[in-house]
């Protein structure tokens, strides 16, 4: 999986803020939810344009990026 398969960075979408592919939901919002103690399910309920599979892939991608 590549970043381009998961994340959109486009100056025309939220001024280039990294968002979930195919949405306008910032990746940072997922991490804000998690660090605030909210669950992935709460995030998914609040942002129905993001799929559980995409969240899983973003978390895996982030994990791999941290050890690279």
PDB file of N, CA and C in Angstrom:
ATOM      1  N   UNK A   1       0.845  -1.174   0.000  1.00  0.00           N
ATOM      2  CA  UNK A   1       0.000   0.000   0.000  1.00  0.00           C
ATOM      3  C   UNK A   1       0.888   1.233   0.000  1.00  0.00           C
ATOM      4  N   UNK A   2       0.507   2.191  -0.801  1.00  0.00           N
ATOM      5  CA  UNK A   2       1.253   3.446  -0.860  1.00  0.00           C
ATOM      6  C   UNK A   2       0.406   4.571  -0.282  1.00  0.00           C
ATOM      7  N   UNK A   3       1.074   5.660   0.019  1.00  0.00           N
ATOM      8  CA  UNK A   3       0.354   6.811   0.556  1.00  0.00           C
ATOM      9  C   UNK A   3      -0.732   7.267  -0.402  1.00  0.00           C
ATOM     10  N   UNK A   4      -0.435   7.230  -1.687  1.00  0.00           N
ATOM     11  CA  UNK A   4      -1.395   7.689  -2.688  1.00  0.00           C
ATOM     12  C   UNK A   4      -2.653   6.824  -2.748  1.00  0.00           C
ATOM     13  N   UNK A   5      -2.564   5.589  -2.273  1.00  0.00           N
ATOM     14  CA  UNK A   5      -3.724   4.694  -2.250  1.00  0.00           C
ATOM     15  C   UNK A   5      -4.612   4.933  -1.032  1.00  0.00           C
ATOM     16  N   UNK A   6      -4.114   5.721  -0.079  1.00  0.00           N
ATOM     17  CA  UNK A   6      -4.830   5.925   1.180  1.00  0.00           C
ATOM     18  C   UNK A   6      -5.166   7.378   1.482  1.00  0.00           C
ATOM     19  N   UNK A   7      -4.289   8.275   1.052  1.00  0.00           N
ATOM     20  CA  UNK A   7      -4.347   9.666   1.491  1.00  0.00           C
ATOM     21  C   UNK A   7      -4.313  10.596   0.286  1.00  0.00           C
ATOM     22  N   UNK A   8      -5.121  11.652   0.348  1.00  0.00           N
ATOM     23  CA  UNK A   8      -5.074  12.707  -0.651  1.00  0.00           C
ATOM     24  C   UNK A   8      -4.441  13.939  -0.021  1.00  0.00           C
ATOM     25  N   UNK A   9      -3.452  14.497  -0.717  1.00  0.00           N
ATOM     26  CA  UNK A   9      -2.878  15.784  -0.331  1.00  0.00           C
ATOM     27  C   UNK A   9      -2.987  16.666  -1.565  1.00  0.00           C
ATOM     28  N   UNK A  10      -3.921  17.601  -1.503  1.00  0.00           N
ATOM     29  CA  UNK A  10      -4.239  18.437  -2.654  1.00  0.00           C
ATOM     30  C   UNK A  10      -4.494  19.854  -2.156  1.00  0.00           C
ATOM     31  N   UNK A  11      -3.781  20.833  -2.691  1.00  0.00           N
ATOM     32  CA  UNK A  11      -3.991  22.203  -2.217  1.00  0.00           C
ATOM     33  C   UNK A  11      -5.428  22.701  -2.393  1.00  0.00           C
ATOM     34  N   UNK A  12      -6.195  22.071  -3.264  1.00  0.00           N
ATOM     35  CA  UNK A  12      -7.590  22.465  -3.466  1.00  0.00           C
ATOM     36  C   UNK A  12      -8.544  21.803  -2.473  1.00  0.00           C
ATOM     37  N   UNK A  13      -8.048  20.883  -1.664  1.00  0.00           N
ATOM     38  CA  UNK A  13      -8.870  20.213  -0.645  1.00  0.00           C
ATOM     39  C   UNK A  13      -8.293  20.562   0.723  1.00  0.00           C
ATOM     40  N   UNK A  14      -9.015  21.354   1.470  1.00  0.00           N
ATOM     41  CA  UNK A  14      -8.612  21.789   2.812  1.00  0.00           C
ATOM     42  C   UNK A  14      -7.180  22.320   2.838  1.00  0.00           C
ATOM     43  N   UNK A  15      -6.812  23.050   1.786  1.00  0.00           N
ATOM     44  CA  UNK A  15      -5.496  23.716   1.695  1.00  0.00           C
ATOM     45  C   UNK A  15      -4.332  22.741   1.794  1.00  0.00           C
ATOM     46  N   UNK A  16      -4.522  21.513   1.326  1.00  0.00           N
ATOM     47  CA  UNK A  16      -3.438  20.536   1.313  1.00  0.00           C
ATOM     48  C   UNK A  16      -3.322  19.687   2.556  1.00  0.00           C
ATOM     49  N   UNK A  17      -4.266  19.814   3.471  1.00  0.00           N
ATOM     50  CA  UNK A  17      -4.276  18.953   4.655  1.00  0.00           C
ATOM     51  C   UNK A  17      -4.464  17.508   4.204  1.00  0.00           C
ATOM     52  N   UNK A  18      -3.657  16.578   4.699  1.00  0.00           N
ATOM     53  CA  UNK A  18      -3.844  15.165   4.323  1.00  0.00           C
ATOM     54  C   UNK A  18      -5.228  14.658   4.766  1.00  0.00           C
ATOM     55  N   UNK A  19      -5.986  14.126   3.807  1.00  0.00           N
ATOM     56  CA  UNK A  19      -7.328  13.607   4.086  1.00  0.00           C
ATOM     57  C   UNK A  19      -7.423  12.163   3.630  1.00  0.00           C
ATOM     58  N   UNK A  20      -8.395  11.442   4.182  1.00  0.00           N
ATOM     59  CA  UNK A  20      -8.675  10.081   3.732  1.00  0.00           C
ATOM     60  C   UNK A  20      -9.041  10.128   2.255  1.00  0.00           C
ATOM     61  N   UNK A  21      -8.492   9.221   1.482  1.00  0.00           N
ATOM     62  CA  UNK A  21      -8.740   9.161   0.048  1.00  0.00           C
ATOM     63  C   UNK A  21     -10.241   9.172  -0.236  1.00  0.00           C
ATOM     64  N   UNK A  22     -10.652  10.057  -1.139  1.00  0.00           N
ATOM     65  CA  UNK A  22     -12.047  10.124  -1.549  1.00  0.00           C
ATOM     66  C   UNK A  22     -12.960  10.874  -0.596  1.00  0.00           C
ATOM     67  N   UNK A  23     -12.364  11.528   0.417  1.00  0.00           N
ATOM     68  CA  UNK A  23     -13.168  12.276   1.391  1.00  0.00           C
ATOM     69  C   UNK A  23     -12.546  13.652   1.603  1.00  0.00           C
ATOM     70  N   UNK A  24     -13.175  14.405   2.482  1.00  0.00           N
ATOM     71  CA  UNK A  24     -12.603  15.667   2.955  1.00  0.00           C
ATOM     72  C   UNK A  24     -12.339  15.569   4.458  1.00  0.00           C
ATOM     73  N   UNK A  25     -12.156  14.364   4.963  1.00  0.00           N
ATOM     74  CA  UNK A  25     -11.930  14.129   6.390  1.00  0.00           C
ATOM     75  C   UNK A  25     -10.425  14.059   6.643  1.00  0.00           C
ATOM     76  N   UNK A  26      -9.890  14.993   7.428  1.00  0.00           N
ATOM     77  CA  UNK A  26      -8.456  14.976   7.711  1.00  0.00           C
ATOM     78  C   UNK A  26      -8.026  13.719   8.476  1.00  0.00           C
ATOM     79  N   UNK A  27      -6.874  13.190   8.106  1.00  0.00           N
ATOM     80  CA  UNK A  27      -6.303  12.043   8.811  1.00  0.00           C
ATOM     81  C   UNK A  27      -6.108  12.397  10.287  1.00  0.00           C
ATOM     82  N   UNK A  28      -5.686  13.619  10.540  1.00  0.00           N
ATOM     83  CA  UNK A  28      -5.435  14.072  11.903  1.00  0.00           C
ATOM     84  C   UNK A  28      -6.660  13.898  12.797  1.00  0.00           C
ATOM     85  N   UNK A  29      -7.842  14.029  12.225  1.00  0.00           N
ATOM     86  CA  UNK A  29      -9.071  13.893  13.011  1.00  0.00           C
ATOM     87  C   UNK A  29      -9.178  12.506  13.627  1.00  0.00           C
ATOM     88  N   UNK A  30      -8.778  11.472  12.892  1.00  0.00           N
ATOM     89  CA  UNK A  30      -8.790  10.114  13.457  1.00  0.00           C
ATOM     90  C   UNK A  30      -7.896  10.054  14.681  1.00  0.00           C
ATOM     91  N   UNK A  31      -6.684  10.592  14.572  1.00  0.00           N
ATOM     92  CA  UNK A  31      -5.756  10.541  15.702  1.00  0.00           C
ATOM     93  C   UNK A  31      -6.227  11.414  16.857  1.00  0.00           C
ATOM     94  N   UNK A  32      -6.899  12.521  16.558  1.00  0.00           N
ATOM     95  CA  UNK A  32      -7.494  13.339  17.618  1.00  0.00           C
ATOM     96  C   UNK A  32      -8.532  12.536  18.390  1.00  0.00           C
ATOM     97  N   UNK A  33      -9.371  11.816  17.672  1.00  0.00           N
ATOM     98  CA  UNK A  33     -10.381  10.962  18.322  1.00  0.00           C
ATOM     99  C   UNK A  33      -9.714   9.937  19.221  1.00  0.00           C
ATOM    100  N   UNK A  34      -8.728   9.252  18.682  1.00  0.00           N
ATOM    101  CA  UNK A  34      -8.090   8.177  19.440  1.00  0.00           C
ATOM    102  C   UNK A  34      -7.346   8.700  20.666  1.00  0.00           C
ATOM    103  N   UNK A  35      -6.654   9.809  20.530  1.00  0.00           N
ATOM    104  CA  UNK A  35      -5.932  10.345  21.689  1.00  0.00           C
ATOM    105  C   UNK A  35      -6.879  10.938  22.731  1.00  0.00           C
ATOM    106  N   UNK A  36      -8.103  11.264  22.312  1.00  0.00           N
ATOM    107  CA  UNK A  36      -9.104  11.764  23.261  1.00  0.00           C
ATOM    108  C   UNK A  36      -9.847  10.638  23.965  1.00  0.00           C
ATOM    109  N   UNK A  37      -9.537   9.394  23.578  1.00  0.00           N
ATOM    110  CA  UNK A  37     -10.181   8.250  24.211  1.00  0.00           C
ATOM    111  C   UNK A  37     -11.413   7.752  23.481  1.00  0.00           C
ATOM    112  N   UNK A  38     -11.736   8.365  22.347  1.00  0.00           N
ATOM    113  CA  UNK A  38     -12.871   7.892  21.559  1.00  0.00           C
ATOM    114  C   UNK A  38     -12.472   6.634  20.799  1.00  0.00           C
ATOM    115  N   UNK A  39     -13.448   5.829  20.452  1.00  0.00           N
ATOM    116  CA  UNK A  39     -13.181   4.588  19.727  1.00  0.00           C
ATOM    117  C   UNK A  39     -13.202   4.813  18.218  1.00  0.00           C
ATOM    118  N   UNK A  40     -12.675   3.850  17.513  1.00  0.00           N
ATOM    119  CA  UNK A  40     -12.739   3.888  16.052  1.00  0.00           C
ATOM    120  C   UNK A  40     -14.196   3.886  15.605  1.00  0.00           C
ATOM    121  N   UNK A  41     -15.034   3.127  16.285  1.00  0.00           N
ATOM    122  CA  UNK A  41     -16.456   3.091  15.920  1.00  0.00           C
ATOM    123  C   UNK A  41     -17.111   4.464  16.079  1.00  0.00           C
ATOM    124  N   UNK A  42     -16.733   5.200  17.111  1.00  0.00           N
ATOM    125  CA  UNK A  42     -17.281   6.557  17.273  1.00  0.00           C
ATOM    126  C   UNK A  42     -16.831   7.441  16.115  1.00  0.00           C
ATOM    127  N   UNK A  43     -15.568   7.323  15.738  1.00  0.00           N
ATOM    128  CA  UNK A  43     -15.063   8.078  14.593  1.00  0.00           C
ATOM    129  C   UNK A  43     -15.845   7.724  13.335  1.00  0.00           C
ATOM    130  N   UNK A  44     -16.015   6.436  13.087  1.00  0.00           N
ATOM    131  CA  UNK A  44     -16.734   5.990  11.891  1.00  0.00           C
ATOM    132  C   UNK A  44     -18.185   6.455  11.897  1.00  0.00           C
ATOM    133  N   UNK A  45     -18.817   6.465  13.064  1.00  0.00           N
ATOM    134  CA  UNK A  45     -20.202   6.962  13.163  1.00  0.00           C
ATOM    135  C   UNK A  45     -20.277   8.448  12.799  1.00  0.00           C
ATOM    136  N   UNK A  46     -19.271   9.205  13.223  1.00  0.00           N
ATOM    137  CA  UNK A  46     -19.272  10.649  12.975  1.00  0.00           C
ATOM    138  C   UNK A  46     -18.832  11.009  11.554  1.00  0.00           C
ATOM    139  N   UNK A  47     -18.101  10.098  10.900  1.00  0.00           N
ATOM    140  CA  UNK A  47     -17.582  10.360   9.551  1.00  0.00           C
ATOM    141  C   UNK A  47     -17.898   9.176   8.640  1.00  0.00           C
ATOM    142  N   UNK A  48     -19.154   9.055   8.225  1.00  0.00           N
ATOM    143  CA  UNK A  48     -19.582   7.883   7.455  1.00  0.00           C
ATOM    144  C   UNK A  48     -18.947   7.757   6.064  1.00  0.00           C
ATOM    145  N   UNK A  49     -18.280   8.806   5.584  1.00  0.00           N
ATOM    146  CA  UNK A  49     -17.605   8.687   4.285  1.00  0.00           C
ATOM    147  C   UNK A  49     -16.290   7.922   4.393  1.00  0.00           C
ATOM    148  N   UNK A  50     -15.817   7.694   5.615  1.00  0.00           N
ATOM    149  CA  UNK A  50     -14.589   6.929   5.845  1.00  0.00           C
ATOM    150  C   UNK A  50     -14.976   5.501   6.202  1.00  0.00           C
ATOM    151  N   UNK A  51     -14.363   4.531   5.545  1.00  0.00           N
ATOM    152  CA  UNK A  51     -14.670   3.126   5.817  1.00  0.00           C
ATOM    153  C   UNK A  51     -13.756   2.564   6.905  1.00  0.00           C
ATOM    154  N   UNK A  52     -14.238   1.524   7.549  1.00  0.00           N
ATOM    155  CA  UNK A  52     -13.434   0.843   8.563  1.00  0.00           C
ATOM    156  C   UNK A  52     -12.158   0.280   7.946  1.00  0.00           C
ATOM    157  N   UNK A  53     -12.253  -0.210   6.735  1.00  0.00           N
ATOM    158  CA  UNK A  53     -11.072  -0.760   6.059  1.00  0.00           C
ATOM    159  C   UNK A  53     -10.034   0.327   5.819  1.00  0.00           C
ATOM    160  N   UNK A  54     -10.474   1.501   5.430  1.00  0.00           N
ATOM    161  CA  UNK A  54      -9.537   2.593   5.201  1.00  0.00           C
ATOM    162  C   UNK A  54      -8.865   3.016   6.506  1.00  0.00           C
ATOM    163  N   UNK A  55      -9.606   3.069   7.591  1.00  0.00           N
ATOM    164  CA  UNK A  55      -9.025   3.384   8.900  1.00  0.00           C
ATOM    165  C   UNK A  55      -7.969   2.335   9.250  1.00  0.00           C
ATOM    166  N   UNK A  56      -8.298   1.081   9.066  1.00  0.00           N
ATOM    167  CA  UNK A  56      -7.351  -0.001   9.360  1.00  0.00           C
ATOM    168  C   UNK A  56      -6.068   0.167   8.540  1.00  0.00           C
ATOM    169  N   UNK A  57      -6.220   0.473   7.266  1.00  0.00           N
ATOM    170  CA  UNK A  57      -5.057   0.640   6.397  1.00  0.00           C
ATOM    171  C   UNK A  57      -4.230   1.867   6.787  1.00  0.00           C
ATOM    172  N   UNK A  58      -4.885   2.949   7.173  1.00  0.00           N
ATOM    173  CA  UNK A  58      -4.172   4.151   7.618  1.00  0.00           C
ATOM    174  C   UNK A  58      -3.379   3.853   8.888  1.00  0.00           C
ATOM    175  N   UNK A  59      -3.974   3.142   9.812  1.00  0.00           N
ATOM    176  CA  UNK A  59      -3.272   2.806  11.052  1.00  0.00           C
ATOM    177  C   UNK A  59      -2.073   1.901  10.768  1.00  0.00           C
ATOM    178  N   UNK A  60      -2.238   0.948   9.883  1.00  0.00           N
ATOM    179  CA  UNK A  60      -1.127   0.066   9.512  1.00  0.00           C
ATOM    180  C   UNK A  60      -0.028   0.860   8.812  1.00  0.00           C
ATOM    181  N   UNK A  61      -0.417   1.727   7.896  1.00  0.00           N
ATOM    182  CA  UNK A  61       0.548   2.573   7.186  1.00  0.00           C
ATOM    183  C   UNK A  61       1.321   3.443   8.182  1.00  0.00           C
ATOM    184  N   UNK A  62       0.608   4.016   9.155  1.00  0.00           N
ATOM    185  CA  UNK A  62       1.243   4.862  10.167  1.00  0.00           C
ATOM    186  C   UNK A  62       2.221   4.063  11.014  1.00  0.00           C
ATOM    187  N   UNK A  63       1.842   2.857  11.353  1.00  0.00           N
ATOM    188  CA  UNK A  63       2.721   1.988  12.140  1.00  0.00           C
ATOM    189  C   UNK A  63       4.004   1.705  11.367  1.00  0.00           C
ATOM    190  N   UNK A  64       3.884   1.369  10.098  1.00  0.00           N
ATOM    191  CA  UNK A  64       5.048   1.081   9.285  1.00  0.00           C
ATOM    192  C   UNK A  64       5.925   2.313   9.103  1.00  0.00           C
ATOM    193  N   UNK A  65       5.305   3.477   8.986  1.00  0.00           N
ATOM    194  CA  UNK A  65       6.063   4.713   8.825  1.00  0.00           C
ATOM    195  C   UNK A  65       6.866   5.037  10.083  1.00  0.00           C
ATOM    196  N   UNK A  66       6.357   4.635  11.229  1.00  0.00           N
ATOM    197  CA  UNK A  66       7.040   4.925  12.488  1.00  0.00           C
ATOM    198  C   UNK A  66       8.297   4.081  12.678  1.00  0.00           C
ATOM    199  N   UNK A  67       8.323   2.899  12.104  1.00  0.00           N
ATOM    200  CA  UNK A  67       9.486   2.023  12.294  1.00  0.00           C
ATOM    201  C   UNK A  67      10.452   2.098  11.118  1.00  0.00           C
ATOM    202  N   UNK A  68      10.084   2.845  10.102  1.00  0.00           N
ATOM    203  CA  UNK A  68      10.965   2.952   8.920  1.00  0.00           C
ATOM    204  C   UNK A  68      12.079   3.932   9.144  1.00  0.00           C
TER     205      UNK A  68
END
